[in-house]
Amino acid sequence: SINVLQEYAKQVNESAKVVYFTDLLEEFVN
């Protein structure tokens, strides 16, 4: 869903950043 969500953000002209939840959790642990 990462690419789909990034494409959607572009379509609705949002500057949102897409973060994969699991990667964020992993980086917290690291």
All heavy atoms as atom14 arrays in JSON, in Angstrom:
{
  "sequence": "SINVLQEYAKQVNESAKVVYFTDLLEEFVN",
  "atom14_mask": [
    [1, 1, 1, 1, 1, 1, 0, 0, 0, 0, 0, 0, 0, 0],
    [1, 1, 1, 1, 1, 1, 1, 1, 0, 0, 0, 0, 0, 0],
    [1, 1, 1, 1, 1, 1, 1, 1, 0, 0, 0, 0, 0, 0],
    [1, 1, 1, 1, 1, 1, 1, 0, 0, 0, 0, 0, 0, 0],
    [1, 1, 1, 1, 1, 1, 1, 1, 0, 0, 0, 0, 0, 0],
    [1, 1, 1, 1, 1, 1, 1, 1, 1, 0, 0, 0, 0, 0],
    [1, 1, 1, 1, 1, 1, 1, 1, 1, 0, 0, 0, 0, 0],
    [1, 1, 1, 1, 1, 1, 1, 1, 1, 1, 1, 1, 0, 0],
    [1, 1, 1, 1, 1, 0, 0, 0, 0, 0, 0, 0, 0, 0],
    [1, 1, 1, 1, 1, 1, 1, 1, 1, 0, 0, 0, 0, 0],
    [1, 1, 1, 1, 1, 1, 1, 1, 1, 0, 0, 0, 0, 0],
    [1, 1, 1, 1, 1, 1, 1, 0, 0, 0, 0, 0, 0, 0],
    [1, 1, 1, 1, 1, 1, 1, 1, 0, 0, 0, 0, 0, 0],
    [1, 1, 1, 1, 1, 1, 1, 1, 1, 0, 0, 0, 0, 0],
    [1, 1, 1, 1, 1, 1, 0, 0, 0, 0, 0, 0, 0, 0],
    [1, 1, 1, 1, 1, 0, 0, 0, 0, 0, 0, 0, 0, 0],
    [1, 1, 1, 1, 1, 1, 1, 1, 1, 0, 0, 0, 0, 0],
    [1, 1, 1, 1, 1, 1, 1, 0, 0, 0, 0, 0, 0, 0],
    [1, 1, 1, 1, 1, 1, 1, 0, 0, 0, 0, 0, 0, 0],
    [1, 1, 1, 1, 1, 1, 1, 1, 1, 1, 1, 1, 0, 0],
    [1, 1, 1, 1, 1, 1, 1, 1, 1, 1, 1, 0, 0, 0],
    [1, 1, 1, 1, 1, 1, 1, 0, 0, 0, 0, 0, 0, 0],
    [1, 1, 1, 1, 1, 1, 1, 1, 0, 0, 0, 0, 0, 0],
    [1, 1, 1, 1, 1, 1, 1, 1, 0, 0, 0, 0, 0, 0],
    [1, 1, 1, 1, 1, 1, 1, 1, 0, 0, 0, 0, 0, 0],
    [1, 1, 1, 1, 1, 1, 1, 1, 1, 0, 0, 0, 0, 0],
    [1, 1, 1, 1, 1, 1, 1, 1, 1, 0, 0, 0, 0, 0],
    [1, 1, 1, 1, 1, 1, 1, 1, 1, 1, 1, 0, 0, 0],
    [1, 1, 1, 1, 1, 1, 1, 0, 0, 0, 0, 0, 0, 0],
    [1, 1, 1, 1, 1, 1, 1, 1, 0, 0, 0, 0, 0, 0]
  ],
  "atom14_positions": [
    [[0.79, -1.23, 0.0], [0.0, 0.0, 0.0], [0.83, 1.29, 0.0], [0.29, 2.37, -0.17], [-0.96, 0.0, 1.19], [-0.25, 0.03, 2.41], [0.0, 0.0, 0.0], [0.0, 0.0, 0.0], [0.0, 0.0, 0.0], [0.0, 0.0, 0.0], [0.0, 0.0, 0.0], [0.0, 0.0, 0.0], [0.0, 0.0, 0.0], [0.0, 0.0, 0.0]],
    [[2.14, 1.19, 0.15], [2.99, 2.38, 0.21], [2.87, 3.2, -1.07], [2.55, 4.39, -1.03], [4.46, 2.01, 0.48], [4.59, 1.37, 1.87], [5.36, 3.25, 0.38], [5.94, 0.75, 2.14], [0.0, 0.0, 0.0], [0.0, 0.0, 0.0], [0.0, 0.0, 0.0], [0.0, 0.0, 0.0], [0.0, 0.0, 0.0], [0.0, 0.0, 0.0]],
    [[3.12, 2.57, -2.22], [3.07, 3.3, -3.49], [1.67, 3.82, -3.81], [1.53, 4.94, -4.32], [3.58, 2.43, -4.64], [5.08, 2.19, -4.54], [5.8, 2.97, -3.92], [5.53, 1.1, -5.14], [0.0, 0.0, 0.0], [0.0, 0.0, 0.0], [0.0, 0.0, 0.0], [0.0, 0.0, 0.0], [0.0, 0.0, 0.0], [0.0, 0.0, 0.0]],
    [[0.67, 3.03, -3.49], [-0.72, 3.45, -3.74], [-1.03, 4.7, -2.92], [-1.6, 5.67, -3.44], [-1.71, 2.3, -3.38], [-3.14, 2.77, -3.45], [-1.47, 1.09, -4.27], [0.0, 0.0, 0.0], [0.0, 0.0, 0.0], [0.0, 0.0, 0.0], [0.0, 0.0, 0.0], [0.0, 0.0, 0.0], [0.0, 0.0, 0.0], [0.0, 0.0, 0.0]],
    [[-0.62, 4.71, -1.67], [-0.88, 5.86, -0.8], [-0.08, 7.08, -1.25], [-0.59, 8.2, -1.24], [-0.54, 5.48, 0.64], [-1.12, 6.31, 1.76], [-2.62, 6.5, 1.63], [-0.77, 5.68, 3.11], [0.0, 0.0, 0.0], [0.0, 0.0, 0.0], [0.0, 0.0, 0.0], [0.0, 0.0, 0.0], [0.0, 0.0, 0.0], [0.0, 0.0, 0.0]],
    [[1.16, 6.87, -1.69], [1.97, 7.98, -2.2], [1.34, 8.58, -3.45], [1.29, 9.8, -3.61], [3.4, 7.51, -2.48], [4.21, 7.3, -1.23], [5.56, 6.67, -1.5], [5.75, 5.91, -2.45], [6.52, 6.97, -0.63], [0.0, 0.0, 0.0], [0.0, 0.0, 0.0], [0.0, 0.0, 0.0], [0.0, 0.0, 0.0], [0.0, 0.0, 0.0]],
    [[0.85, 7.74, -4.34], [0.19, 8.23, -5.56], [-1.08, 9.0, -5.21], [-1.37, 10.03, -5.81], [-0.12, 7.07, -6.51], [1.09, 6.54, -7.24], [1.81, 7.64, -8.03], [1.15, 8.41, -8.77], [3.05, 7.73, -7.9], [0.0, 0.0, 0.0], [0.0, 0.0, 0.0], [0.0, 0.0, 0.0], [0.0, 0.0, 0.0], [0.0, 0.0, 0.0]],
    [[-1.83, 8.49, -4.25], [-3.04, 9.18, -3.84], [-2.72, 10.57, -3.28], [-3.39, 11.54, -3.6], [-3.82, 8.35, -2.8], [-5.05, 9.06, -2.31], [-6.18, 9.21, -3.13], [-5.09, 9.61, -1.03], [-7.3, 9.88, -2.68], [-6.21, 10.28, -0.58], [-7.31, 10.42, -1.41], [-8.43, 11.08, -0.97], [0.0, 0.0, 0.0], [0.0, 0.0, 0.0]],
    [[-1.67, 10.65, -2.48], [-1.26, 11.95, -1.92], [-0.94, 12.93, -3.04], [-1.33, 14.11, -2.98], [-0.06, 11.78, -0.99], [0.0, 0.0, 0.0], [0.0, 0.0, 0.0], [0.0, 0.0, 0.0], [0.0, 0.0, 0.0], [0.0, 0.0, 0.0], [0.0, 0.0, 0.0], [0.0, 0.0, 0.0], [0.0, 0.0, 0.0], [0.0, 0.0, 0.0]],
    [[-0.27, 12.47, -4.07], [0.05, 13.34, -5.21], [-1.22, 13.79, -5.93], [-1.34, 14.94, -6.35], [0.97, 12.61, -6.2], [2.39, 12.46, -5.71], [3.21, 11.69, -6.73], [4.54, 11.28, -6.16], [5.28, 10.4, -7.06], [0.0, 0.0, 0.0], [0.0, 0.0, 0.0], [0.0, 0.0, 0.0], [0.0, 0.0, 0.0], [0.0, 0.0, 0.0]],
    [[-2.17, 12.87, -6.1], [-3.41, 13.18, -6.81], [-4.24, 14.24, -6.1], [-4.87, 15.07, -6.74], [-4.26, 11.92, -6.99], [-3.73, 10.94, -7.99], [-4.53, 9.66, -7.99], [-5.58, 9.55, -7.35], [-4.04, 8.67, -8.72], [0.0, 0.0, 0.0], [0.0, 0.0, 0.0], [0.0, 0.0, 0.0], [0.0, 0.0, 0.0], [0.0, 0.0, 0.0]],
    [[-4.25, 14.19, -4.78], [-5.05, 15.16, -4.04], [-4.22, 16.37, -3.63], [-4.65, 17.2, -2.84], [-5.73, 14.52, -2.8], [-6.74, 13.47, -3.22], [-4.73, 13.97, -1.82], [0.0, 0.0, 0.0], [0.0, 0.0, 0.0], [0.0, 0.0, 0.0], [0.0, 0.0, 0.0], [0.0, 0.0, 0.0], [0.0, 0.0, 0.0], [0.0, 0.0, 0.0]],
    [[-3.01, 16.47, -4.26], [-2.13, 17.62, -4.07], [-1.74, 17.81, -2.6], [-1.69, 18.92, -2.09], [-2.78, 18.89, -4.62], [-1.73, 19.96, -4.88], [-0.55, 19.65, -5.04], [-2.16, 21.21, -4.92], [0.0, 0.0, 0.0], [0.0, 0.0, 0.0], [0.0, 0.0, 0.0], [0.0, 0.0, 0.0], [0.0, 0.0, 0.0], [0.0, 0.0, 0.0]],
    [[-1.48, 16.73, -1.94], [-1.05, 16.77, -0.54], [0.47, 16.65, -0.48], [1.09, 15.99, -1.3], [-1.67, 15.61, 0.25], [-3.16, 15.7, 0.43], [-3.56, 16.75, 1.44], [-2.75, 17.12, 2.3], [-4.72, 17.2, 1.36], [0.0, 0.0, 0.0], [0.0, 0.0, 0.0], [0.0, 0.0, 0.0], [0.0, 0.0, 0.0], [0.0, 0.0, 0.0]],
    [[1.05, 17.26, 0.51], [2.49, 17.13, 0.72], [2.78, 16.07, 1.76], [3.87, 16.01, 2.32], [3.06, 18.48, 1.18], [2.47, 18.86, 2.41], [0.0, 0.0, 0.0], [0.0, 0.0, 0.0], [0.0, 0.0, 0.0], [0.0, 0.0, 0.0], [0.0, 0.0, 0.0], [0.0, 0.0, 0.0], [0.0, 0.0, 0.0], [0.0, 0.0, 0.0]],
    [[1.81, 15.22, 2.0], [1.96, 14.18, 3.02], [3.11, 13.25, 2.69], [3.4, 12.96, 1.53], [0.66, 13.38, 3.13], [0.0, 0.0, 0.0], [0.0, 0.0, 0.0], [0.0, 0.0, 0.0], [0.0, 0.0, 0.0], [0.0, 0.0, 0.0], [0.0, 0.0, 0.0], [0.0, 0.0, 0.0], [0.0, 0.0, 0.0], [0.0, 0.0, 0.0]],
    [[3.76, 12.79, 3.73], [4.82, 11.8, 3.63], [4.24, 10.46, 4.06], [3.53, 10.38, 5.06], [6.0, 12.15, 4.53], [6.58, 13.53, 4.31], [7.26, 13.61, 2.96], [7.88, 14.99, 2.78], [8.56, 15.13, 1.52], [0.0, 0.0, 0.0], [0.0, 0.0, 0.0], [0.0, 0.0, 0.0], [0.0, 0.0, 0.0], [0.0, 0.0, 0.0]],
    [[4.53, 9.44, 3.31], [4.03, 8.1, 3.61], [5.11, 7.31, 4.33], [6.24, 7.23, 3.84], [3.56, 7.37, 2.35], [3.11, 5.95, 2.67], [2.42, 8.16, 1.68], [0.0, 0.0, 0.0], [0.0, 0.0, 0.0], [0.0, 0.0, 0.0], [0.0, 0.0, 0.0], [0.0, 0.0, 0.0], [0.0, 0.0, 0.0], [0.0, 0.0, 0.0]],
    [[4.76, 6.78, 5.47], [5.69, 5.99, 6.27], [5.06, 4.62, 6.49], [3.89, 4.51, 6.87], [5.98, 6.68, 7.63], [6.8, 5.79, 8.54], [6.68, 8.02, 7.41], [0.0, 0.0, 0.0], [0.0, 0.0, 0.0], [0.0, 0.0, 0.0], [0.0, 0.0, 0.0], [0.0, 0.0, 0.0], [0.0, 0.0, 0.0], [0.0, 0.0, 0.0]],
    [[5.85, 3.6, 6.27], [5.4, 2.23, 6.52], [5.45, 1.99, 8.03], [6.49, 2.12, 8.66], [6.27, 1.24, 5.75], [5.93, -0.21, 5.92], [4.61, -0.66, 5.98], [6.94, -1.16, 6.01], [4.31, -2.0, 6.13], [6.66, -2.5, 6.15], [5.35, -2.93, 6.21], [5.06, -4.26, 6.37], [0.0, 0.0, 0.0], [0.0, 0.0, 0.0]],
    [[4.31, 1.67, 8.61], [4.19, 1.51, 10.06], [5.26, 0.59, 10.64], [5.9, 0.91, 11.64], [2.79, 0.98, 10.41], [2.63, 0.67, 11.86], [2.27, 1.67, 12.76], [2.87, -0.6, 12.35], [2.15, 1.4, 14.11], [2.75, -0.88, 13.7], [2.39, 0.12, 14.58], [0.0, 0.0, 0.0], [0.0, 0.0, 0.0], [0.0, 0.0, 0.0]],
    [[5.47, -0.57, 10.03], [6.43, -1.54, 10.53], [7.85, -0.97, 10.54], [8.61, -1.23, 11.47], [6.36, -2.84, 9.7], [5.02, -3.34, 9.76], [7.32, -3.9, 10.2], [0.0, 0.0, 0.0], [0.0, 0.0, 0.0], [0.0, 0.0, 0.0], [0.0, 0.0, 0.0], [0.0, 0.0, 0.0], [0.0, 0.0, 0.0], [0.0, 0.0, 0.0]],
    [[8.19, -0.18, 9.52], [9.52, 0.44, 9.48], [9.68, 1.45, 10.62], [10.74, 1.54, 11.23], [9.76, 1.14, 8.14], [9.98, 0.18, 7.0], [10.21, -1.03, 7.25], [9.92, 0.64, 5.83], [0.0, 0.0, 0.0], [0.0, 0.0, 0.0], [0.0, 0.0, 0.0], [0.0, 0.0, 0.0], [0.0, 0.0, 0.0], [0.0, 0.0, 0.0]],
    [[8.64, 2.2, 10.91], [8.7, 3.17, 12.0], [8.9, 2.44, 13.33], [9.73, 2.86, 14.15], [7.43, 4.02, 12.03], [7.38, 5.13, 13.09], [8.53, 6.11, 12.91], [6.04, 5.86, 13.0], [0.0, 0.0, 0.0], [0.0, 0.0, 0.0], [0.0, 0.0, 0.0], [0.0, 0.0, 0.0], [0.0, 0.0, 0.0], [0.0, 0.0, 0.0]],
    [[8.19, 1.38, 13.54], [8.34, 0.61, 14.77], [9.75, 0.01, 14.86], [10.39, 0.06, 15.92], [7.28, -0.49, 14.85], [7.31, -1.36, 16.1], [7.13, -0.52, 17.37], [6.22, -2.44, 16.01], [0.0, 0.0, 0.0], [0.0, 0.0, 0.0], [0.0, 0.0, 0.0], [0.0, 0.0, 0.0], [0.0, 0.0, 0.0], [0.0, 0.0, 0.0]],
    [[10.23, -0.51, 13.77], [11.58, -1.08, 13.74], [12.64, -0.02, 14.06], [13.58, -0.27, 14.81], [11.87, -1.71, 12.37], [13.23, -2.35, 12.27], [13.48, -2.97, 10.9], [12.52, -3.26, 10.17], [14.67, -3.15, 10.57], [0.0, 0.0, 0.0], [0.0, 0.0, 0.0], [0.0, 0.0, 0.0], [0.0, 0.0, 0.0], [0.0, 0.0, 0.0]],
    [[12.46, 1.15, 13.5], [13.42, 2.23, 13.78], [13.35, 2.7, 15.22], [14.36, 3.11, 15.79], [13.24, 3.4, 12.81], [13.79, 3.11, 11.44], [15.22, 2.58, 11.45], [16.1, 3.17, 12.14], [15.47, 1.56, 10.79], [0.0, 0.0, 0.0], [0.0, 0.0, 0.0], [0.0, 0.0, 0.0], [0.0, 0.0, 0.0], [0.0, 0.0, 0.0]],
    [[12.17, 2.66, 15.82], [12.07, 2.97, 17.25], [12.91, 1.98, 18.05], [13.66, 2.36, 18.96], [10.61, 2.94, 17.72], [10.48, 2.88, 19.21], [10.75, 4.0, 19.99], [10.1, 1.7, 19.83], [10.65, 3.94, 21.37], [10.0, 1.64, 21.22], [10.29, 2.76, 21.99], [0.0, 0.0, 0.0], [0.0, 0.0, 0.0], [0.0, 0.0, 0.0]],
    [[12.79, 0.69, 17.74], [13.56, -0.33, 18.45], [15.06, -0.09, 18.25], [15.84, -0.11, 19.22], [13.16, -1.75, 17.99], [14.1, -2.8, 18.57], [11.71, -2.04, 18.36], [0.0, 0.0, 0.0], [0.0, 0.0, 0.0], [0.0, 0.0, 0.0], [0.0, 0.0, 0.0], [0.0, 0.0, 0.0], [0.0, 0.0, 0.0], [0.0, 0.0, 0.0]],
    [[15.47, 0.17, 17.02], [16.88, 0.45, 16.74], [17.36, 1.69, 17.49], [18.47, 1.72, 18.04], [17.12, 0.62, 15.24], [16.9, -0.65, 14.47], [16.97, -1.75, 15.0], [16.61, -0.51, 13.18], [0.0, 0.0, 0.0], [0.0, 0.0, 0.0], [0.0, 0.0, 0.0], [0.0, 0.0, 0.0], [0.0, 0.0, 0.0], [0.0, 0.0, 0.0]]
  ]
}
